[in-house]
Amino acid sequence: MKLNPYLMFNGNCEAAFKFYEQCLGGKIVAMMTHKEAPSAEHVPAEWHDKIMHVCLDLGDRLLMGSDSPSGYFEAPQGFYVQISVDEPAEAERIFHALVENGKVKMPIEQTFWSIRFGMLVDQFGIPWMVNCEQAA
């Protein structure tokens, strides 16, 4: 079983995923707008360029998302997207890239359980944890 986060956005999904592609590496392998869907005629014209589905391939995991239909968007709460890496320098790089124009919730630093751990909310309102576990 694999769990892959599916993130919802308030009209800025395309910008968010282009940002994540830069921060996390990987490759956007699918990005479909509402006007590309068979049901495009049922979608308001102002939503034709909004993202119906996007997929960022990160190797053995996928990060997916879409723009939430107008009136249905709810700001994320009660979860974090957690990233684990093997090297402290990579944890710091990812943390500092993701937090650009966002908010640090817990600075990335050594903890009793991890070589590096930090929490942030990015500029798109998505909460992240970045972790580099201690070697066993």
N, C-alpha and C. Protein backbone atom coordinates (compact mmCIF):
# COMPACT_ATOMS: atom_id res chain seq x y z
N MET A 1 0.84 -1.17 0.00
CA MET A 1 0.00 0.00 0.00
C MET A 1 0.89 1.24 0.00
N LYS A 2 0.49 2.23 -0.76
CA LYS A 2 1.16 3.53 -0.75
C LYS A 2 0.14 4.61 -0.47
N LEU A 3 0.50 5.54 0.40
CA LEU A 3 -0.34 6.71 0.65
C LEU A 3 0.27 7.88 -0.10
N ASN A 4 -0.53 8.55 -0.90
CA ASN A 4 -0.07 9.70 -1.65
C ASN A 4 -0.97 10.88 -1.34
N PRO A 5 -0.42 11.96 -0.79
CA PRO A 5 -1.24 13.12 -0.46
C PRO A 5 -1.91 13.72 -1.70
N TYR A 6 -3.15 14.15 -1.52
CA TYR A 6 -3.90 14.86 -2.57
C TYR A 6 -4.30 16.20 -1.97
N LEU A 7 -3.70 17.27 -2.46
CA LEU A 7 -3.85 18.59 -1.88
C LEU A 7 -4.86 19.42 -2.67
N MET A 8 -5.69 20.16 -1.96
CA MET A 8 -6.69 21.01 -2.59
C MET A 8 -6.28 22.48 -2.44
N PHE A 9 -6.51 23.26 -3.49
CA PHE A 9 -6.10 24.65 -3.51
C PHE A 9 -7.26 25.56 -3.88
N ASN A 10 -7.11 26.82 -3.52
CA ASN A 10 -8.14 27.82 -3.77
C ASN A 10 -7.81 28.62 -5.03
N GLY A 11 -7.59 27.89 -6.14
CA GLY A 11 -7.34 28.55 -7.41
C GLY A 11 -5.88 28.73 -7.77
N ASN A 12 -4.95 28.30 -6.91
CA ASN A 12 -3.53 28.50 -7.20
C ASN A 12 -2.75 27.18 -7.27
N CYS A 13 -3.42 26.11 -7.65
CA CYS A 13 -2.80 24.79 -7.71
C CYS A 13 -1.63 24.74 -8.70
N GLU A 14 -1.80 25.32 -9.87
CA GLU A 14 -0.72 25.28 -10.87
C GLU A 14 0.55 25.93 -10.33
N ALA A 15 0.42 27.11 -9.75
CA ALA A 15 1.59 27.80 -9.18
C ALA A 15 2.20 26.98 -8.05
N ALA A 16 1.37 26.38 -7.21
CA ALA A 16 1.87 25.57 -6.10
C ALA A 16 2.68 24.39 -6.61
N PHE A 17 2.18 23.67 -7.59
CA PHE A 17 2.88 22.49 -8.06
C PHE A 17 4.14 22.82 -8.85
N LYS A 18 4.18 23.94 -9.53
CA LYS A 18 5.42 24.36 -10.17
C LYS A 18 6.46 24.71 -9.10
N PHE A 19 6.00 25.32 -8.00
CA PHE A 19 6.86 25.61 -6.85
C PHE A 19 7.37 24.31 -6.22
N TYR A 20 6.48 23.33 -6.00
CA TYR A 20 6.89 22.06 -5.39
C TYR A 20 7.86 21.31 -6.29
N GLU A 21 7.66 21.38 -7.60
CA GLU A 21 8.58 20.73 -8.53
C GLU A 21 9.99 21.30 -8.35
N GLN A 22 10.10 22.61 -8.17
CA GLN A 22 11.41 23.24 -7.95
C GLN A 22 11.98 22.86 -6.59
N CYS A 23 11.15 22.88 -5.56
CA CYS A 23 11.62 22.62 -4.19
C CYS A 23 11.98 21.16 -3.95
N LEU A 24 11.17 20.26 -4.48
CA LEU A 24 11.29 18.84 -4.14
C LEU A 24 11.98 18.02 -5.22
N GLY A 25 12.16 18.59 -6.39
CA GLY A 25 12.65 17.80 -7.50
C GLY A 25 11.47 17.04 -8.09
N GLY A 26 11.74 15.94 -8.71
CA GLY A 26 10.65 15.20 -9.33
C GLY A 26 10.21 15.89 -10.60
N LYS A 27 9.09 15.41 -11.13
CA LYS A 27 8.60 15.91 -12.41
C LYS A 27 7.08 15.89 -12.42
N ILE A 28 6.50 16.99 -12.87
CA ILE A 28 5.05 17.01 -13.08
C ILE A 28 4.77 16.12 -14.29
N VAL A 29 4.04 15.03 -14.06
CA VAL A 29 3.77 14.07 -15.13
C VAL A 29 2.36 14.19 -15.68
N ALA A 30 1.51 14.95 -15.00
CA ALA A 30 0.15 15.18 -15.49
C ALA A 30 -0.34 16.51 -14.93
N MET A 31 -0.96 17.30 -15.79
CA MET A 31 -1.61 18.53 -15.34
C MET A 31 -2.77 18.79 -16.30
N MET A 32 -3.98 18.64 -15.80
CA MET A 32 -5.17 18.79 -16.62
C MET A 32 -6.02 19.94 -16.10
N THR A 33 -6.41 20.83 -17.00
CA THR A 33 -7.31 21.91 -16.62
C THR A 33 -8.76 21.46 -16.82
N HIS A 34 -9.67 22.23 -16.27
CA HIS A 34 -11.10 21.91 -16.42
C HIS A 34 -11.54 21.99 -17.87
N LYS A 35 -10.95 22.90 -18.67
CA LYS A 35 -11.37 23.00 -20.07
C LYS A 35 -10.94 21.79 -20.88
N GLU A 36 -10.01 20.99 -20.38
CA GLU A 36 -9.56 19.78 -21.08
C GLU A 36 -10.44 18.57 -20.77
N ALA A 37 -11.33 18.71 -19.81
CA ALA A 37 -12.19 17.60 -19.40
C ALA A 37 -13.38 17.45 -20.34
N PRO A 38 -13.91 16.24 -20.48
CA PRO A 38 -15.09 16.04 -21.31
C PRO A 38 -16.30 16.86 -20.84
N SER A 39 -16.33 17.20 -19.57
CA SER A 39 -17.47 17.94 -19.01
C SER A 39 -17.22 19.45 -18.97
N ALA A 40 -16.30 19.96 -19.77
CA ALA A 40 -15.91 21.37 -19.73
C ALA A 40 -17.08 22.32 -19.91
N GLU A 41 -18.07 21.93 -20.69
CA GLU A 41 -19.21 22.82 -20.93
C GLU A 41 -20.05 23.05 -19.68
N HIS A 42 -19.87 22.21 -18.66
CA HIS A 42 -20.61 22.34 -17.41
C HIS A 42 -19.84 23.13 -16.35
N VAL A 43 -18.66 23.61 -16.71
CA VAL A 43 -17.80 24.34 -15.78
C VAL A 43 -17.83 25.82 -16.17
N PRO A 44 -17.99 26.72 -15.19
CA PRO A 44 -17.98 28.15 -15.52
C PRO A 44 -16.69 28.55 -16.24
N ALA A 45 -16.79 29.46 -17.18
CA ALA A 45 -15.64 29.87 -18.00
C ALA A 45 -14.45 30.32 -17.16
N GLU A 46 -14.71 30.98 -16.02
CA GLU A 46 -13.60 31.45 -15.18
C GLU A 46 -12.83 30.30 -14.54
N TRP A 47 -13.36 29.09 -14.60
CA TRP A 47 -12.68 27.92 -14.04
C TRP A 47 -12.02 27.05 -15.10
N HIS A 48 -12.14 27.41 -16.38
CA HIS A 48 -11.57 26.58 -17.44
C HIS A 48 -10.06 26.40 -17.30
N ASP A 49 -9.35 27.42 -16.82
CA ASP A 49 -7.90 27.32 -16.69
C ASP A 49 -7.44 26.84 -15.32
N LYS A 50 -8.37 26.54 -14.44
CA LYS A 50 -8.02 26.01 -13.12
C LYS A 50 -7.70 24.52 -13.26
N ILE A 51 -6.93 24.02 -12.31
CA ILE A 51 -6.43 22.64 -12.39
C ILE A 51 -7.46 21.65 -11.86
N MET A 52 -7.78 20.69 -12.73
CA MET A 52 -8.69 19.60 -12.36
C MET A 52 -7.90 18.48 -11.68
N HIS A 53 -6.67 18.26 -12.15
CA HIS A 53 -5.82 17.22 -11.57
C HIS A 53 -4.37 17.48 -11.97
N VAL A 54 -3.47 17.32 -11.00
CA VAL A 54 -2.03 17.42 -11.26
C VAL A 54 -1.33 16.33 -10.46
N CYS A 55 -0.23 15.83 -11.02
CA CYS A 55 0.53 14.77 -10.37
C CYS A 55 2.02 15.07 -10.49
N LEU A 56 2.68 15.16 -9.35
CA LEU A 56 4.13 15.36 -9.27
C LEU A 56 4.75 14.02 -8.87
N ASP A 57 5.54 13.45 -9.77
CA ASP A 57 6.21 12.17 -9.52
C ASP A 57 7.50 12.44 -8.75
N LEU A 58 7.58 11.88 -7.54
CA LEU A 58 8.75 12.06 -6.68
C LEU A 58 9.50 10.74 -6.50
N GLY A 59 9.48 9.92 -7.52
CA GLY A 59 10.17 8.63 -7.44
C GLY A 59 9.22 7.55 -7.01
N ASP A 60 9.30 7.15 -5.74
CA ASP A 60 8.42 6.08 -5.26
C ASP A 60 7.12 6.62 -4.67
N ARG A 61 6.90 7.92 -4.74
CA ARG A 61 5.67 8.53 -4.22
C ARG A 61 5.17 9.59 -5.19
N LEU A 62 3.89 9.87 -5.10
CA LEU A 62 3.26 10.91 -5.90
C LEU A 62 2.68 11.96 -4.98
N LEU A 63 2.76 13.21 -5.40
CA LEU A 63 2.05 14.30 -4.74
C LEU A 63 1.04 14.78 -5.77
N MET A 64 -0.23 14.76 -5.40
CA MET A 64 -1.28 15.12 -6.34
C MET A 64 -2.12 16.25 -5.79
N GLY A 65 -2.88 16.89 -6.67
CA GLY A 65 -3.72 17.97 -6.20
C GLY A 65 -4.65 18.49 -7.27
N SER A 66 -5.46 19.47 -6.87
CA SER A 66 -6.37 20.16 -7.78
C SER A 66 -6.86 21.44 -7.13
N ASP A 67 -7.48 22.27 -7.95
CA ASP A 67 -8.16 23.45 -7.42
C ASP A 67 -9.53 23.01 -6.95
N SER A 68 -9.89 23.43 -5.77
CA SER A 68 -11.19 23.11 -5.19
C SER A 68 -12.26 23.94 -5.89
N PRO A 69 -13.39 23.34 -6.22
CA PRO A 69 -14.46 24.12 -6.87
C PRO A 69 -14.85 25.33 -6.02
N SER A 70 -15.23 26.37 -6.70
CA SER A 70 -15.62 27.61 -6.04
C SER A 70 -16.66 27.35 -4.96
N GLY A 71 -16.40 27.90 -3.78
CA GLY A 71 -17.33 27.74 -2.67
C GLY A 71 -17.09 26.49 -1.83
N TYR A 72 -16.20 25.60 -2.27
CA TYR A 72 -15.95 24.35 -1.55
C TYR A 72 -14.60 24.30 -0.86
N PHE A 73 -13.74 25.28 -1.12
CA PHE A 73 -12.40 25.25 -0.56
C PHE A 73 -12.44 25.42 0.96
N GLU A 74 -11.67 24.59 1.65
CA GLU A 74 -11.46 24.72 3.09
C GLU A 74 -9.95 24.72 3.33
N ALA A 75 -9.48 25.68 4.10
CA ALA A 75 -8.06 25.74 4.41
C ALA A 75 -7.62 24.46 5.12
N PRO A 76 -6.44 23.95 4.81
CA PRO A 76 -5.95 22.73 5.45
C PRO A 76 -5.86 22.87 6.96
N GLN A 77 -6.28 21.84 7.66
CA GLN A 77 -6.11 21.80 9.11
C GLN A 77 -6.12 20.35 9.57
N GLY A 78 -5.39 20.09 10.63
CA GLY A 78 -5.38 18.75 11.20
C GLY A 78 -4.43 17.77 10.55
N PHE A 79 -3.53 18.24 9.67
CA PHE A 79 -2.56 17.34 9.06
C PHE A 79 -1.32 18.12 8.63
N TYR A 80 -0.24 17.41 8.40
CA TYR A 80 0.97 17.94 7.78
C TYR A 80 1.40 16.95 6.70
N VAL A 81 1.97 17.44 5.62
CA VAL A 81 2.63 16.57 4.65
C VAL A 81 4.04 16.38 5.18
N GLN A 82 4.44 15.13 5.40
CA GLN A 82 5.72 14.85 6.03
C GLN A 82 6.70 14.33 4.98
N ILE A 83 7.90 14.90 5.00
CA ILE A 83 8.97 14.49 4.09
C ILE A 83 10.12 13.95 4.92
N SER A 84 10.61 12.77 4.58
CA SER A 84 11.78 12.18 5.24
C SER A 84 12.91 12.08 4.22
N VAL A 85 14.08 12.54 4.60
CA VAL A 85 15.26 12.45 3.74
C VAL A 85 16.41 11.82 4.52
N ASP A 86 17.45 11.41 3.81
CA ASP A 86 18.57 10.72 4.44
C ASP A 86 19.69 11.65 4.91
N GLU A 87 19.78 12.84 4.34
CA GLU A 87 20.89 13.74 4.64
C GLU A 87 20.41 15.03 5.28
N PRO A 88 21.05 15.47 6.37
CA PRO A 88 20.66 16.72 7.03
C PRO A 88 20.69 17.93 6.09
N ALA A 89 21.68 18.00 5.21
CA ALA A 89 21.77 19.13 4.28
C ALA A 89 20.58 19.17 3.34
N GLU A 90 20.11 18.01 2.92
CA GLU A 90 18.93 17.94 2.05
C GLU A 90 17.68 18.36 2.81
N ALA A 91 17.57 17.97 4.07
CA ALA A 91 16.43 18.39 4.90
C ALA A 91 16.42 19.92 5.01
N GLU A 92 17.56 20.50 5.26
CA GLU A 92 17.64 21.96 5.39
C GLU A 92 17.33 22.65 4.07
N ARG A 93 17.83 22.11 2.96
CA ARG A 93 17.56 22.69 1.65
C ARG A 93 16.07 22.70 1.35
N ILE A 94 15.42 21.55 1.56
CA ILE A 94 13.99 21.45 1.29
C ILE A 94 13.20 22.37 2.20
N PHE A 95 13.53 22.37 3.48
CA PHE A 95 12.82 23.22 4.44
C PHE A 95 12.89 24.69 4.01
N HIS A 96 14.09 25.16 3.73
CA HIS A 96 14.26 26.58 3.38
C HIS A 96 13.62 26.92 2.03
N ALA A 97 13.60 25.97 1.12
CA ALA A 97 12.93 26.20 -0.17
C ALA A 97 11.42 26.30 0.02
N LEU A 98 10.85 25.36 0.78
CA LEU A 98 9.39 25.35 0.97
C LEU A 98 8.88 26.54 1.78
N VAL A 99 9.67 27.03 2.71
CA VAL A 99 9.19 28.10 3.60
C VAL A 99 9.28 29.49 2.95
N GLU A 100 9.85 29.58 1.76
CA GLU A 100 9.92 30.88 1.07
C GLU A 100 8.53 31.52 0.99
N ASN A 101 8.39 32.70 1.53
CA ASN A 101 7.12 33.44 1.60
C ASN A 101 6.05 32.73 2.41
N GLY A 102 6.47 31.74 3.21
CA GLY A 102 5.55 31.02 4.09
C GLY A 102 5.83 31.37 5.54
N LYS A 103 5.56 30.41 6.43
CA LYS A 103 5.70 30.67 7.87
C LYS A 103 6.35 29.47 8.56
N VAL A 104 7.40 29.74 9.32
CA VAL A 104 8.05 28.70 10.12
C VAL A 104 7.17 28.43 11.34
N LYS A 105 6.82 27.16 11.55
CA LYS A 105 6.08 26.76 12.75
C LYS A 105 7.05 26.23 13.81
N MET A 106 8.10 25.54 13.36
CA MET A 106 9.18 25.06 14.22
C MET A 106 10.45 25.09 13.38
N PRO A 107 11.46 25.84 13.78
CA PRO A 107 12.69 25.92 12.98
C PRO A 107 13.31 24.53 12.78
N ILE A 108 13.97 24.36 11.66
CA ILE A 108 14.62 23.08 11.42
C ILE A 108 15.89 23.02 12.26
N GLU A 109 15.98 21.97 13.07
CA GLU A 109 17.10 21.82 13.99
C GLU A 109 17.18 20.37 14.46
N GLN A 110 18.23 20.07 15.19
CA GLN A 110 18.37 18.74 15.77
C GLN A 110 17.40 18.61 16.93
N THR A 111 16.80 17.42 17.04
CA THR A 111 15.91 17.11 18.16
C THR A 111 16.38 15.81 18.79
N PHE A 112 15.72 15.39 19.84
CA PHE A 112 16.11 14.13 20.48
C PHE A 112 15.76 12.92 19.63
N TRP A 113 14.89 13.08 18.64
CA TRP A 113 14.50 11.95 17.80
C TRP A 113 15.04 12.05 16.37
N SER A 114 15.66 13.15 16.03
CA SER A 114 15.99 13.38 14.64
C SER A 114 17.23 14.27 14.50
N ILE A 115 18.03 14.02 13.47
CA ILE A 115 19.17 14.89 13.18
C ILE A 115 18.67 16.27 12.78
N ARG A 116 17.60 16.31 11.98
CA ARG A 116 16.97 17.57 11.60
C ARG A 116 15.46 17.36 11.55
N PHE A 117 14.73 18.33 12.09
CA PHE A 117 13.27 18.31 12.03
C PHE A 117 12.78 19.75 12.06
N GLY A 118 11.83 20.04 11.19
CA GLY A 118 11.23 21.37 11.18
C GLY A 118 9.81 21.31 10.65
N MET A 119 9.02 22.32 11.01
CA MET A 119 7.63 22.40 10.57
C MET A 119 7.39 23.79 9.98
N LEU A 120 6.59 23.83 8.92
CA LEU A 120 6.31 25.09 8.24
C LEU A 120 4.96 25.04 7.56
N VAL A 121 4.45 26.20 7.22
CA VAL A 121 3.30 26.32 6.34
C VAL A 121 3.79 27.12 5.14
N ASP A 122 3.63 26.56 3.95
CA ASP A 122 4.16 27.22 2.76
C ASP A 122 3.28 28.39 2.33
N GLN A 123 3.72 29.09 1.32
CA GLN A 123 3.01 30.28 0.83
C GLN A 123 1.62 29.96 0.28
N PHE A 124 1.32 28.69 0.05
CA PHE A 124 0.01 28.28 -0.45
C PHE A 124 -0.90 27.76 0.66
N GLY A 125 -0.39 27.80 1.90
CA GLY A 125 -1.19 27.37 3.05
C GLY A 125 -1.09 25.90 3.38
N ILE A 126 -0.17 25.18 2.75
CA ILE A 126 0.00 23.74 3.00
C ILE A 126 1.02 23.54 4.12
N PRO A 127 0.65 22.77 5.16
CA PRO A 127 1.57 22.50 6.27
C PRO A 127 2.51 21.33 5.95
N TRP A 128 3.78 21.49 6.29
CA TRP A 128 4.82 20.49 6.00
C TRP A 128 5.64 20.21 7.25
N MET A 129 6.10 18.96 7.36
CA MET A 129 7.14 18.56 8.31
C MET A 129 8.30 18.03 7.48
N VAL A 130 9.50 18.46 7.80
CA VAL A 130 10.70 17.96 7.11
C VAL A 130 11.55 17.27 8.16
N ASN A 131 11.95 16.02 7.87
CA ASN A 131 12.59 15.17 8.86
C ASN A 131 13.79 14.45 8.26
N CYS A 132 14.88 14.39 9.02
CA CYS A 132 16.03 13.56 8.69
C CYS A 132 16.34 12.75 9.94
N GLU A 133 15.99 11.47 9.92
CA GLU A 133 16.15 10.63 11.10
C GLU A 133 17.61 10.33 11.38
N GLN A 134 17.88 10.04 12.63
CA GLN A 134 19.23 9.64 13.02
C GLN A 134 19.52 8.26 12.46
N ALA A 135 20.76 8.04 12.11
CA ALA A 135 21.16 6.73 11.62
C ALA A 135 21.00 5.70 12.72
N ALA A 136 20.55 4.52 12.34
CA ALA A 136 20.32 3.46 13.33
C ALA A 136 21.62 2.87 13.82
